[in-house]
């Protein structure tokens, strides 16, 4: 059925213009309003588009529900990044649900001065780990460290224009991380020696205190266990592919990239997939730090649940045994 020119014009007017721009100041104002409105539990206090869409850990949430009710304040880590090219902005840090801290990444899209999308990755103290929960209901192999994130947050910075890489170069460096993981070959990753990785705030490898100009880490003492890096220990990592890669926020002023993807496990593994939002801090052409907000979705949940990958990644039943995953069996890698 073809719409009449009048009706077609009406529909076009009702939708946000994808050609409309929102510069850095506009994105900053929109993200500020959004986070303030969430803390007030009042969606009307933010410039939300009529068709605003929100997910929390890949689950669709009605406007005014979920984080709009649970988040009460911003914690000790508050970082905000902006990408005028894509019209998107994002927060990374600690958001409190009453007395309980969460480690959160939230991305918004702004079109025609209206917020059309909200994508939340929320890590809480109690959540399913890589093998779900044990018999006592405790997470299995689950990292969570908001206090550690407070000690080692991403630096706040504006990189001088002459030292900035292009957005295409920043994405390529970030993507080398996912390619190296998929190939189980850390030498493919464009990273500094000792590059750190923090998962839900907890340091799992490398040196989170390193800054531009820092000397490389000294070799480990005889008999000591190496501290490793974000590019080490990949040979036996339980992963077949890093799928559904997206790079929605490339902050060229800060030289920091927000990437989303899903770790697909090896065929037959009962371990859960890992869906995540990761922040890559890039210095002198290499990755310095990786900050990840992650969760382990159940086998039947489509992740990331955002175009162009919405609905594409529930784990097929023939690749893993739901009963084994629910029982909490399998290697934690």
C-alpha atoms as a PDB file:
ATOM      1  CA  UNK A   1       0.000   0.000   0.000  1.00  0.00           C
ATOM      2  CA  UNK A   2       1.344   3.423  -0.981  1.00  0.00           C
ATOM      3  CA  UNK A   3       0.832   6.386   1.314  1.00  0.00           C
ATOM      4  CA  UNK A   4      -0.521   9.605  -0.102  1.00  0.00           C
ATOM      5  CA  UNK A   5       2.028  12.445  -0.278  1.00  0.00           C
ATOM      6  CA  UNK A   6       0.219  14.199   2.577  1.00  0.00           C
ATOM      7  CA  UNK A   7       0.303  11.131   4.852  1.00  0.00           C
ATOM      8  CA  UNK A   8       3.896  10.367   3.895  1.00  0.00           C
ATOM      9  CA  UNK A   9       4.895  13.917   4.787  1.00  0.00           C
ATOM     10  CA  UNK A  10       3.084  13.583   8.104  1.00  0.00           C
ATOM     11  CA  UNK A  11       4.933  10.386   8.997  1.00  0.00           C
ATOM     12  CA  UNK A  12       8.237  11.934   7.986  1.00  0.00           C
ATOM     13  CA  UNK A  13       7.567  14.935  10.193  1.00  0.00           C
ATOM     14  CA  UNK A  14       6.773  12.665  13.147  1.00  0.00           C
ATOM     15  CA  UNK A  15      10.110  10.859  12.972  1.00  0.00           C
ATOM     16  CA  UNK A  16      13.452  12.334  14.035  1.00  0.00           C
ATOM     17  CA  UNK A  17      15.663  13.555  11.224  1.00  0.00           C
ATOM     18  CA  UNK A  18      18.710  11.352  10.800  1.00  0.00           C
ATOM     19  CA  UNK A  19      20.470  14.257   9.142  1.00  0.00           C
ATOM     20  CA  UNK A  20      20.008  16.542  12.118  1.00  0.00           C
ATOM     21  CA  UNK A  21      23.191  17.263  14.027  1.00  0.00           C
ATOM     22  CA  UNK A  22      23.881  17.519  17.731  1.00  0.00           C
ATOM     23  CA  UNK A  23      27.276  18.997  18.486  1.00  0.00           C
ATOM     24  CA  UNK A  24      29.370  18.324  21.574  1.00  0.00           C
ATOM     25  CA  UNK A  25      27.607  20.982  23.650  1.00  0.00           C
ATOM     26  CA  UNK A  26      24.217  19.615  22.604  1.00  0.00           C
ATOM     27  CA  UNK A  27      25.221  16.054  23.507  1.00  0.00           C
ATOM     28  CA  UNK A  28      26.604  17.180  26.855  1.00  0.00           C
ATOM     29  CA  UNK A  29      23.384  19.000  27.702  1.00  0.00           C
ATOM     30  CA  UNK A  30      21.251  16.035  26.612  1.00  0.00           C
ATOM     31  CA  UNK A  31      23.230  13.499  28.654  1.00  0.00           C
ATOM     32  CA  UNK A  32      23.182  15.778  31.703  1.00  0.00           C
ATOM     33  CA  UNK A  33      19.405  16.166  31.445  1.00  0.00           C
ATOM     34  CA  UNK A  34      18.976  12.443  30.962  1.00  0.00           C
ATOM     35  CA  UNK A  35      21.001  11.423  34.014  1.00  0.00           C
ATOM     36  CA  UNK A  36      19.339  14.074  36.163  1.00  0.00           C
ATOM     37  CA  UNK A  37      15.911  12.869  35.064  1.00  0.00           C
ATOM     38  CA  UNK A  38      16.811   9.264  35.900  1.00  0.00           C
ATOM     39  CA  UNK A  39      17.851  10.271  39.409  1.00  0.00           C
ATOM     40  CA  UNK A  40      14.562  12.160  39.795  1.00  0.00           C
ATOM     41  CA  UNK A  41      12.660   9.075  38.542  1.00  0.00           C
ATOM     42  CA  UNK A  42      10.937  11.411  36.080  1.00  0.00           C
ATOM     43  CA  UNK A  43      11.105  10.650  32.320  1.00  0.00           C
ATOM     44  CA  UNK A  44       9.276  13.927  31.640  1.00  0.00           C
ATOM     45  CA  UNK A  45      12.341  15.796  32.891  1.00  0.00           C
ATOM     46  CA  UNK A  46      14.365  14.547  29.904  1.00  0.00           C
ATOM     47  CA  UNK A  47      13.817  15.414  26.213  1.00  0.00           C
ATOM     48  CA  UNK A  48      12.709  11.898  25.257  1.00  0.00           C
ATOM     49  CA  UNK A  49      11.414  11.168  21.767  1.00  0.00           C
ATOM     50  CA  UNK A  50       7.870   9.792  21.554  1.00  0.00           C
ATOM     51  CA  UNK A  51       9.233   6.418  20.407  1.00  0.00           C
ATOM     52  CA  UNK A  52      12.151   6.324  22.871  1.00  0.00           C
ATOM     53  CA  UNK A  53      13.519   2.760  23.151  1.00  0.00           C
ATOM     54  CA  UNK A  54      15.414   1.447  26.177  1.00  0.00           C
ATOM     55  CA  UNK A  55      17.119  -1.808  27.051  1.00  0.00           C
ATOM     56  CA  UNK A  56      18.771  -2.890  30.286  1.00  0.00           C
ATOM     57  CA  UNK A  57      21.179  -5.790  29.863  1.00  0.00           C
ATOM     58  CA  UNK A  58      19.462  -6.469  26.512  1.00  0.00           C
ATOM     59  CA  UNK A  59      15.934  -6.619  27.967  1.00  0.00           C
ATOM     60  CA  UNK A  60      13.414  -4.091  26.702  1.00  0.00           C
ATOM     61  CA  UNK A  61      12.194  -1.813  29.491  1.00  0.00           C
ATOM     62  CA  UNK A  62       9.189   0.500  29.486  1.00  0.00           C
ATOM     63  CA  UNK A  63       9.903   4.190  29.849  1.00  0.00           C
ATOM     64  CA  UNK A  64       9.834   5.020  33.543  1.00  0.00           C
ATOM     65  CA  UNK A  65      10.644   1.469  34.627  1.00  0.00           C
ATOM     66  CA  UNK A  66      13.946  -0.238  35.468  1.00  0.00           C
ATOM     67  CA  UNK A  67      16.757   2.250  36.060  1.00  0.00           C
ATOM     68  CA  UNK A  68      14.241   5.097  36.106  1.00  0.00           C
ATOM     69  CA  UNK A  69      12.995   3.667  39.416  1.00  0.00           C
ATOM     70  CA  UNK A  70      16.122   2.053  40.874  1.00  0.00           C
ATOM     71  CA  UNK A  71      18.953   4.581  40.328  1.00  0.00           C
ATOM     72  CA  UNK A  72      19.149   7.136  43.134  1.00  0.00           C
ATOM     73  CA  UNK A  73      22.487   8.922  42.681  1.00  0.00           C
ATOM     74  CA  UNK A  74      25.808   9.080  40.866  1.00  0.00           C
ATOM     75  CA  UNK A  75      28.704   7.511  42.746  1.00  0.00           C
ATOM     76  CA  UNK A  76      32.423   8.240  42.922  1.00  0.00           C
ATOM     77  CA  UNK A  77      33.177   7.603  39.234  1.00  0.00           C
ATOM     78  CA  UNK A  78      31.463   9.798  36.643  1.00  0.00           C
ATOM     79  CA  UNK A  79      32.849   9.841  33.097  1.00  0.00           C
ATOM     80  CA  UNK A  80      30.991  11.187  30.074  1.00  0.00           C
ATOM     81  CA  UNK A  81      31.953  10.931  26.418  1.00  0.00           C
ATOM     82  CA  UNK A  82      30.543  12.434  23.233  1.00  0.00           C
ATOM     83  CA  UNK A  83      30.489  11.658  19.512  1.00  0.00           C
ATOM     84  CA  UNK A  84      28.931  14.419  17.379  1.00  0.00           C
ATOM     85  CA  UNK A  85      29.459  12.354  14.211  1.00  0.00           C
ATOM     86  CA  UNK A  86      27.030   9.644  15.354  1.00  0.00           C
ATOM     87  CA  UNK A  87      24.936  11.925  17.570  1.00  0.00           C
ATOM     88  CA  UNK A  88      25.539   9.705  20.586  1.00  0.00           C
ATOM     89  CA  UNK A  89      26.845  10.196  24.120  1.00  0.00           C
ATOM     90  CA  UNK A  90      27.530   7.814  26.985  1.00  0.00           C
ATOM     91  CA  UNK A  91      28.208   7.625  30.722  1.00  0.00           C
ATOM     92  CA  UNK A  92      30.587   5.208  32.423  1.00  0.00           C
ATOM     93  CA  UNK A  93      31.019   4.931  36.149  1.00  0.00           C
ATOM     94  CA  UNK A  94      29.235   4.125  39.380  1.00  0.00           C
ATOM     95  CA  UNK A  95      25.507   4.663  39.817  1.00  0.00           C
ATOM     96  CA  UNK A  96      23.893   3.922  43.158  1.00  0.00           C
ATOM     97  CA  UNK A  97      20.688   2.028  43.791  1.00  0.00           C
ATOM     98  CA  UNK A  98      20.125   3.289  47.302  1.00  0.00           C
ATOM     99  CA  UNK A  99      23.115   2.022  49.298  1.00  0.00           C
ATOM    100  CA  UNK A 100      24.184  -0.457  46.599  1.00  0.00           C
ATOM    101  CA  UNK A 101      26.675   0.671  43.924  1.00  0.00           C
ATOM    102  CA  UNK A 102      26.484  -0.536  40.351  1.00  0.00           C
ATOM    103  CA  UNK A 103      29.091  -0.287  37.598  1.00  0.00           C
ATOM    104  CA  UNK A 104      27.196   1.079  34.626  1.00  0.00           C
ATOM    105  CA  UNK A 105      27.549   2.104  31.012  1.00  0.00           C
ATOM    106  CA  UNK A 106      24.597   3.913  29.482  1.00  0.00           C
ATOM    107  CA  UNK A 107      24.470   5.147  25.883  1.00  0.00           C
ATOM    108  CA  UNK A 108      21.979   7.625  24.438  1.00  0.00           C
ATOM    109  CA  UNK A 109      21.278   8.757  20.882  1.00  0.00           C
ATOM    110  CA  UNK A 110      20.087  12.311  20.195  1.00  0.00           C
ATOM    111  CA  UNK A 111      18.144  13.200  17.042  1.00  0.00           C
ATOM    112  CA  UNK A 112      16.458  16.543  16.470  1.00  0.00           C
ATOM    113  CA  UNK A 113      17.233  17.468  20.092  1.00  0.00           C
ATOM    114  CA  UNK A 114      15.299  14.423  21.304  1.00  0.00           C
ATOM    115  CA  UNK A 115      16.732  11.331  22.981  1.00  0.00           C
ATOM    116  CA  UNK A 116      15.635   8.364  20.913  1.00  0.00           C
ATOM    117  CA  UNK A 117      17.622   5.518  22.502  1.00  0.00           C
ATOM    118  CA  UNK A 118      18.896   4.443  25.900  1.00  0.00           C
ATOM    119  CA  UNK A 119      21.095   1.346  26.162  1.00  0.00           C
ATOM    120  CA  UNK A 120      22.064   0.310  29.689  1.00  0.00           C
ATOM    121  CA  UNK A 121      24.654  -2.237  30.801  1.00  0.00           C
ATOM    122  CA  UNK A 122      24.350  -2.533  34.585  1.00  0.00           C
ATOM    123  CA  UNK A 123      26.671  -4.704  36.698  1.00  0.00           C
ATOM    124  CA  UNK A 124      25.399  -5.383  40.193  1.00  0.00           C
ATOM    125  CA  UNK A 125      26.998  -7.102  43.159  1.00  0.00           C
ATOM    126  CA  UNK A 126      24.781 -10.149  42.701  1.00  0.00           C
ATOM    127  CA  UNK A 127      24.296 -11.306  39.116  1.00  0.00           C
ATOM    128  CA  UNK A 128      24.751 -14.451  37.061  1.00  0.00           C
ATOM    129  CA  UNK A 129      28.368 -15.362  36.375  1.00  0.00           C
ATOM    130  CA  UNK A 130      29.856 -17.222  33.448  1.00  0.00           C
ATOM    131  CA  UNK A 131      28.320 -20.447  34.773  1.00  0.00           C
ATOM    132  CA  UNK A 132      25.188 -18.885  36.235  1.00  0.00           C
ATOM    133  CA  UNK A 133      24.732 -19.435  39.964  1.00  0.00           C
ATOM    134  CA  UNK A 134      25.963 -22.191  42.241  1.00  0.00           C
ATOM    135  CA  UNK A 135      23.779 -24.331  44.487  1.00  0.00           C
ATOM    136  CA  UNK A 136      23.841 -21.604  47.161  1.00  0.00           C
ATOM    137  CA  UNK A 137      22.678 -18.981  44.679  1.00  0.00           C
ATOM    138  CA  UNK A 138      26.073 -17.245  44.429  1.00  0.00           C
ATOM    139  CA  UNK A 139      27.468 -16.063  41.084  1.00  0.00           C
ATOM    140  CA  UNK A 140      30.094 -18.319  39.526  1.00  0.00           C
ATOM    141  CA  UNK A 141      33.177 -16.583  38.083  1.00  0.00           C
ATOM    142  CA  UNK A 142      31.807 -13.054  38.275  1.00  0.00           C
ATOM    143  CA  UNK A 143      33.951  -9.930  38.649  1.00  0.00           C
ATOM    144  CA  UNK A 144      32.649  -6.866  40.495  1.00  0.00           C
ATOM    145  CA  UNK A 145      34.726  -4.065  42.025  1.00  0.00           C
ATOM    146  CA  UNK A 146      33.219  -0.560  42.244  1.00  0.00           C
ATOM    147  CA  UNK A 147      35.666   0.394  45.013  1.00  0.00           C
ATOM    148  CA  UNK A 148      38.597  -0.605  42.806  1.00  0.00           C
ATOM    149  CA  UNK A 149      37.124   1.416  39.943  1.00  0.00           C
ATOM    150  CA  UNK A 150      37.035   4.422  42.280  1.00  0.00           C
ATOM    151  CA  UNK A 151      40.787   3.982  42.817  1.00  0.00           C
ATOM    152  CA  UNK A 152      41.517   3.474  39.112  1.00  0.00           C
ATOM    153  CA  UNK A 153      38.972   5.352  36.979  1.00  0.00           C
ATOM    154  CA  UNK A 154      39.527   6.370  33.358  1.00  0.00           C
ATOM    155  CA  UNK A 155      41.473   9.598  33.220  1.00  0.00           C
ATOM    156  CA  UNK A 156      39.623  12.813  32.445  1.00  0.00           C
ATOM    157  CA  UNK A 157      41.444  14.429  29.563  1.00  0.00           C
ATOM    158  CA  UNK A 158      41.372  16.432  26.368  1.00  0.00           C
ATOM    159  CA  UNK A 159      44.149  15.229  24.086  1.00  0.00           C
ATOM    160  CA  UNK A 160      45.888  18.049  22.162  1.00  0.00           C
ATOM    161  CA  UNK A 161      44.704  18.137  18.510  1.00  0.00           C
ATOM    162  CA  UNK A 162      48.175  17.364  17.168  1.00  0.00           C
ATOM    163  CA  UNK A 163      48.287  14.111  19.159  1.00  0.00           C
ATOM    164  CA  UNK A 164      44.864  12.793  18.155  1.00  0.00           C
ATOM    165  CA  UNK A 165      44.200   9.843  15.889  1.00  0.00           C
ATOM    166  CA  UNK A 166      41.268   9.876  13.488  1.00  0.00           C
ATOM    167  CA  UNK A 167      38.065   8.102  14.456  1.00  0.00           C
ATOM    168  CA  UNK A 168      38.813   5.458  11.793  1.00  0.00           C
ATOM    169  CA  UNK A 169      42.228   4.786  13.336  1.00  0.00           C
ATOM    170  CA  UNK A 170      40.768   4.615  16.848  1.00  0.00           C
ATOM    171  CA  UNK A 171      38.167   2.058  15.739  1.00  0.00           C
ATOM    172  CA  UNK A 172      40.801  -0.015  13.919  1.00  0.00           C
ATOM    173  CA  UNK A 173      42.984  -0.150  17.048  1.00  0.00           C
ATOM    174  CA  UNK A 174      39.977  -1.140  19.141  1.00  0.00           C
ATOM    175  CA  UNK A 175      38.961  -3.800  16.639  1.00  0.00           C
ATOM    176  CA  UNK A 176      42.456  -5.300  16.772  1.00  0.00           C
ATOM    177  CA  UNK A 177      41.625  -6.285  20.354  1.00  0.00           C
ATOM    178  CA  UNK A 178      38.598  -8.297  19.255  1.00  0.00           C
ATOM    179  CA  UNK A 179      40.502  -9.830  16.334  1.00  0.00           C
ATOM    180  CA  UNK A 180      43.345 -10.892  18.620  1.00  0.00           C
ATOM    181  CA  UNK A 181      40.922 -12.500  21.076  1.00  0.00           C
ATOM    182  CA  UNK A 182      39.125 -14.335  18.271  1.00  0.00           C
ATOM    183  CA  UNK A 183      42.445 -15.601  16.890  1.00  0.00           C
ATOM    184  CA  UNK A 184      43.740 -16.410  20.414  1.00  0.00           C
ATOM    185  CA  UNK A 185      46.832 -14.427  19.481  1.00  0.00           C
ATOM    186  CA  UNK A 186      47.734 -11.424  21.641  1.00  0.00           C
ATOM    187  CA  UNK A 187      50.422 -10.314  19.193  1.00  0.00           C
ATOM    188  CA  UNK A 188      47.651  -9.116  16.876  1.00  0.00           C
ATOM    189  CA  UNK A 189      46.416  -6.627  19.482  1.00  0.00           C
ATOM    190  CA  UNK A 190      47.699  -3.060  19.243  1.00  0.00           C
ATOM    191  CA  UNK A 191      48.291  -2.598  22.977  1.00  0.00           C
ATOM    192  CA  UNK A 192      50.937  -1.260  25.325  1.00  0.00           C
ATOM    193  CA  UNK A 193      52.873  -3.772  27.445  1.00  0.00           C
ATOM    194  CA  UNK A 194      50.976  -4.212  30.691  1.00  0.00           C
ATOM    195  CA  UNK A 195      47.758  -2.731  29.300  1.00  0.00           C
ATOM    196  CA  UNK A 196      45.088  -3.112  31.952  1.00  0.00           C
ATOM    197  CA  UNK A 197      41.641  -4.638  31.812  1.00  0.00           C
ATOM    198  CA  UNK A 198      39.001  -3.940  34.453  1.00  0.00           C
ATOM    199  CA  UNK A 199      35.796  -5.990  34.419  1.00  0.00           C
ATOM    200  CA  UNK A 200      32.890  -4.379  36.244  1.00  0.00           C
ATOM    201  CA  UNK A 201      35.510  -2.338  38.071  1.00  0.00           C
ATOM    202  CA  UNK A 202      37.725  -5.253  39.122  1.00  0.00           C
ATOM    203  CA  UNK A 203      41.268  -5.383  37.745  1.00  0.00           C
ATOM    204  CA  UNK A 204      41.802  -8.723  35.991  1.00  0.00           C
ATOM    205  CA  UNK A 205      45.069  -7.953  34.169  1.00  0.00           C
ATOM    206  CA  UNK A 206      47.720  -5.308  33.636  1.00  0.00           C
ATOM    207  CA  UNK A 207      48.501  -2.051  35.397  1.00  0.00           C
ATOM    208  CA  UNK A 208      45.529   0.336  35.741  1.00  0.00           C
ATOM    209  CA  UNK A 209      47.806   3.091  37.106  1.00  0.00           C
ATOM    210  CA  UNK A 210      49.826   3.441  33.876  1.00  0.00           C
ATOM    211  CA  UNK A 211      49.551   6.772  32.066  1.00  0.00           C
ATOM    212  CA  UNK A 212      51.055   8.225  28.884  1.00  0.00           C
ATOM    213  CA  UNK A 213      54.827   8.193  29.088  1.00  0.00           C
ATOM    214  CA  UNK A 214      54.893   5.447  31.727  1.00  0.00           C
ATOM    215  CA  UNK A 215      57.846   3.074  31.340  1.00  0.00           C
ATOM    216  CA  UNK A 216      57.051  -0.524  30.393  1.00  0.00           C
ATOM    217  CA  UNK A 217      56.477  -2.840  33.349  1.00  0.00           C
ATOM    218  CA  UNK A 218      59.624  -4.580  34.649  1.00  0.00           C
ATOM    219  CA  UNK A 219      60.021  -8.300  33.972  1.00  0.00           C
ATOM    220  CA  UNK A 220      58.673 -10.498  36.778  1.00  0.00           C
ATOM    221  CA  UNK A 221      61.108 -11.740  39.411  1.00  0.00           C
ATOM    222  CA  UNK A 222      62.332 -15.309  39.137  1.00  0.00           C
ATOM    223  CA  UNK A 223      59.541 -17.657  40.105  1.00  0.00           C
ATOM    224  CA  UNK A 224      56.948 -14.870  40.282  1.00  0.00           C
ATOM    225  CA  UNK A 225      53.728 -15.037  38.321  1.00  0.00           C
ATOM    226  CA  UNK A 226      53.564 -12.399  35.535  1.00  0.00           C
ATOM    227  CA  UNK A 227      50.976  -9.677  36.035  1.00  0.00           C
ATOM    228  CA  UNK A 228      49.909 -10.159  32.434  1.00  0.00           C
ATOM    229  CA  UNK A 229      48.164  -7.640  30.244  1.00  0.00           C
ATOM    230  CA  UNK A 230      44.919  -7.160  28.384  1.00  0.00           C
ATOM    231  CA  UNK A 231      46.530  -9.050  25.472  1.00  0.00           C
ATOM    232  CA  UNK A 232      47.904 -12.053  27.371  1.00  0.00           C
ATOM    233  CA  UNK A 233      46.607 -15.510  28.224  1.00  0.00           C
ATOM    234  CA  UNK A 234      44.423 -15.916  25.132  1.00  0.00           C
ATOM    235  CA  UNK A 235      45.609 -19.316  23.940  1.00  0.00           C
ATOM    236  CA  UNK A 236      43.044 -21.313  25.942  1.00  0.00           C
ATOM    237  CA  UNK A 237      40.377 -18.649  26.243  1.00  0.00           C
ATOM    238  CA  UNK A 238      36.932 -20.248  25.854  1.00  0.00           C
ATOM    239  CA  UNK A 239      35.754 -18.253  22.868  1.00  0.00           C
ATOM    240  CA  UNK A 240      34.867 -18.949  19.261  1.00  0.00           C
ATOM    241  CA  UNK A 241      34.065 -15.441  18.048  1.00  0.00           C
ATOM    242  CA  UNK A 242      33.609 -11.826  19.122  1.00  0.00           C
ATOM    243  CA  UNK A 243      30.271 -11.125  17.459  1.00  0.00           C
ATOM    244  CA  UNK A 244      27.919  -8.178  16.989  1.00  0.00           C
ATOM    245  CA  UNK A 245      30.681  -5.575  17.157  1.00  0.00           C
ATOM    246  CA  UNK A 246      29.551  -1.941  17.321  1.00  0.00           C
ATOM    247  CA  UNK A 247      31.467   1.303  17.901  1.00  0.00           C
ATOM    248  CA  UNK A 248      28.763   3.899  18.588  1.00  0.00           C
ATOM    249  CA  UNK A 249      30.798   6.472  20.538  1.00  0.00           C
ATOM    250  CA  UNK A 250      34.252   7.544  19.374  1.00  0.00           C
ATOM    251  CA  UNK A 251      35.326  10.524  21.464  1.00  0.00           C
ATOM    252  CA  UNK A 252      38.184  11.944  19.407  1.00  0.00           C
ATOM    253  CA  UNK A 253      38.920  14.672  21.969  1.00  0.00           C
ATOM    254  CA  UNK A 254      39.466  12.120  24.732  1.00  0.00           C
ATOM    255  CA  UNK A 255      40.799   9.416  22.348  1.00  0.00           C
ATOM    256  CA  UNK A 256      38.446   6.913  23.953  1.00  0.00           C
ATOM    257  CA  UNK A 257      36.192   4.429  22.143  1.00  0.00           C
ATOM    258  CA  UNK A 258      33.019   2.741  23.377  1.00  0.00           C
ATOM    259  CA  UNK A 259      32.576  -0.696  21.802  1.00  0.00           C
ATOM    260  CA  UNK A 260      29.855  -3.306  22.204  1.00  0.00           C
ATOM    261  CA  UNK A 261      30.132  -6.997  21.339  1.00  0.00           C
ATOM    262  CA  UNK A 262      29.262 -10.529  22.444  1.00  0.00           C
ATOM    263  CA  UNK A 263      31.686 -13.329  23.316  1.00  0.00           C
ATOM    264  CA  UNK A 264      30.409 -16.501  21.650  1.00  0.00           C
ATOM    265  CA  UNK A 265      31.729 -19.622  23.394  1.00  0.00           C
ATOM    266  CA  UNK A 266      33.227 -22.642  21.736  1.00  0.00           C
ATOM    267  CA  UNK A 267      30.685 -25.179  20.389  1.00  0.00           C
ATOM    268  CA  UNK A 268      29.418 -27.468  23.110  1.00  0.00           C
ATOM    269  CA  UNK A 269      30.581 -25.275  25.978  1.00  0.00           C
ATOM    270  CA  UNK A 270      27.987 -24.919  28.764  1.00  0.00           C
ATOM    271  CA  UNK A 271      29.435 -21.536  29.756  1.00  0.00           C
ATOM    272  CA  UNK A 272      27.280 -18.484  29.139  1.00  0.00           C
ATOM    273  CA  UNK A 273      27.991 -15.878  26.510  1.00  0.00           C
ATOM    274  CA  UNK A 274      29.382 -12.559  27.665  1.00  0.00           C
ATOM    275  CA  UNK A 275      27.652  -9.383  26.447  1.00  0.00           C
ATOM    276  CA  UNK A 276      29.517  -6.192  27.192  1.00  0.00           C
ATOM    277  CA  UNK A 277      30.162  -2.496  26.730  1.00  0.00           C
ATOM    278  CA  UNK A 278      33.898  -1.744  26.756  1.00  0.00           C
ATOM    279  CA  UNK A 279      35.784   1.525  26.951  1.00  0.00           C
ATOM    280  CA  UNK A 280      39.171   1.642  25.232  1.00  0.00           C
ATOM    281  CA  UNK A 281      41.662   4.306  26.335  1.00  0.00           C
ATOM    282  CA  UNK A 282      44.132   4.791  23.482  1.00  0.00           C
ATOM    283  CA  UNK A 283      47.541   6.495  23.762  1.00  0.00           C
ATOM    284  CA  UNK A 284      50.288   6.787  21.136  1.00  0.00           C
ATOM    285  CA  UNK A 285      48.610   4.408  18.706  1.00  0.00           C
ATOM    286  CA  UNK A 286      47.974   1.636  21.247  1.00  0.00           C
ATOM    287  CA  UNK A 287      45.442   0.515  23.847  1.00  0.00           C
ATOM    288  CA  UNK A 288      46.415   1.595  27.364  1.00  0.00           C
ATOM    289  CA  UNK A 289      43.333   0.522  29.364  1.00  0.00           C
ATOM    290  CA  UNK A 290      40.103  -1.414  28.822  1.00  0.00           C
ATOM    291  CA  UNK A 291      37.111  -0.839  31.114  1.00  0.00           C
ATOM    292  CA  UNK A 292      34.306  -3.354  30.679  1.00  0.00           C
ATOM    293  CA  UNK A 293      30.719  -3.397  31.894  1.00  0.00           C
ATOM    294  CA  UNK A 294      29.519  -6.919  31.272  1.00  0.00           C
ATOM    295  CA  UNK A 295      26.801  -9.436  31.967  1.00  0.00           C
ATOM    296  CA  UNK A 296      26.247 -13.110  31.168  1.00  0.00           C
ATOM    297  CA  UNK A 297      22.879 -13.563  29.452  1.00  0.00           C
ATOM    298  CA  UNK A 298      20.898 -16.790  29.663  1.00  0.00           C
ATOM    299  CA  UNK A 299      20.966 -18.988  26.575  1.00  0.00           C
ATOM    300  CA  UNK A 300      17.585 -17.886  25.240  1.00  0.00           C
ATOM    301  CA  UNK A 301      18.087 -14.098  25.485  1.00  0.00           C
ATOM    302  CA  UNK A 302      18.765 -12.300  22.177  1.00  0.00           C
ATOM    303  CA  UNK A 303      21.778 -10.052  22.637  1.00  0.00           C
ATOM    304  CA  UNK A 304      22.573  -7.244  22.067  1.00  0.00           C
ATOM    305  CA  UNK A 305      18.946  -6.619  21.031  1.00  0.00           C
ATOM    306  CA  UNK A 306      19.904  -3.532  18.991  1.00  0.00           C
ATOM    307  CA  UNK A 307      19.967  -3.105  15.208  1.00  0.00           C
ATOM    308  CA  UNK A 308      21.459  -4.458  13.090  1.00  0.00           C
ATOM    309  CA  UNK A 309      21.966  -7.376  15.481  1.00  0.00           C
ATOM    310  CA  UNK A 310      18.633  -7.471  17.298  1.00  0.00           C
ATOM    311  CA  UNK A 311      17.381 -11.019  17.684  1.00  0.00           C
ATOM    312  CA  UNK A 312      20.409 -12.627  16.027  1.00  0.00           C
ATOM    313  CA  UNK A 313      22.292 -14.003  18.991  1.00  0.00           C
ATOM    314  CA  UNK A 314      20.415 -16.329  21.293  1.00  0.00           C
ATOM    315  CA  UNK A 315      22.707 -19.340  21.591  1.00  0.00           C
ATOM    316  CA  UNK A 316      21.345 -22.212  19.449  1.00  0.00           C
ATOM    317  CA  UNK A 317      20.260 -25.171  21.534  1.00  0.00           C
ATOM    318  CA  UNK A 318      22.580 -27.542  19.677  1.00  0.00           C
ATOM    319  CA  UNK A 319      25.663 -25.541  20.742  1.00  0.00           C
ATOM    320  CA  UNK A 320      25.145 -25.733  24.487  1.00  0.00           C
ATOM    321  CA  UNK A 321      23.155 -27.662  27.006  1.00  0.00           C
ATOM    322  CA  UNK A 322      20.752 -25.363  28.932  1.00  0.00           C
ATOM    323  CA  UNK A 323      20.547 -27.941  31.716  1.00  0.00           C
ATOM    324  CA  UNK A 324      24.319 -27.937  32.123  1.00  0.00           C
ATOM    325  CA  UNK A 325      24.457 -24.148  32.156  1.00  0.00           C
ATOM    326  CA  UNK A 326      21.696 -23.962  34.746  1.00  0.00           C
ATOM    327  CA  UNK A 327      23.480 -26.501  36.896  1.00  0.00           C
ATOM    328  CA  UNK A 328      26.534 -24.281  36.931  1.00  0.00           C
ATOM    329  CA  UNK A 329      28.896 -26.792  35.337  1.00  0.00           C
ATOM    330  CA  UNK A 330      31.711 -26.012  32.938  1.00  0.00           C
ATOM    331  CA  UNK A 331      35.028 -24.187  32.892  1.00  0.00           C
ATOM    332  CA  UNK A 332      35.206 -20.562  34.015  1.00  0.00           C
ATOM    333  CA  UNK A 333      37.201 -18.739  31.347  1.00  0.00           C
END
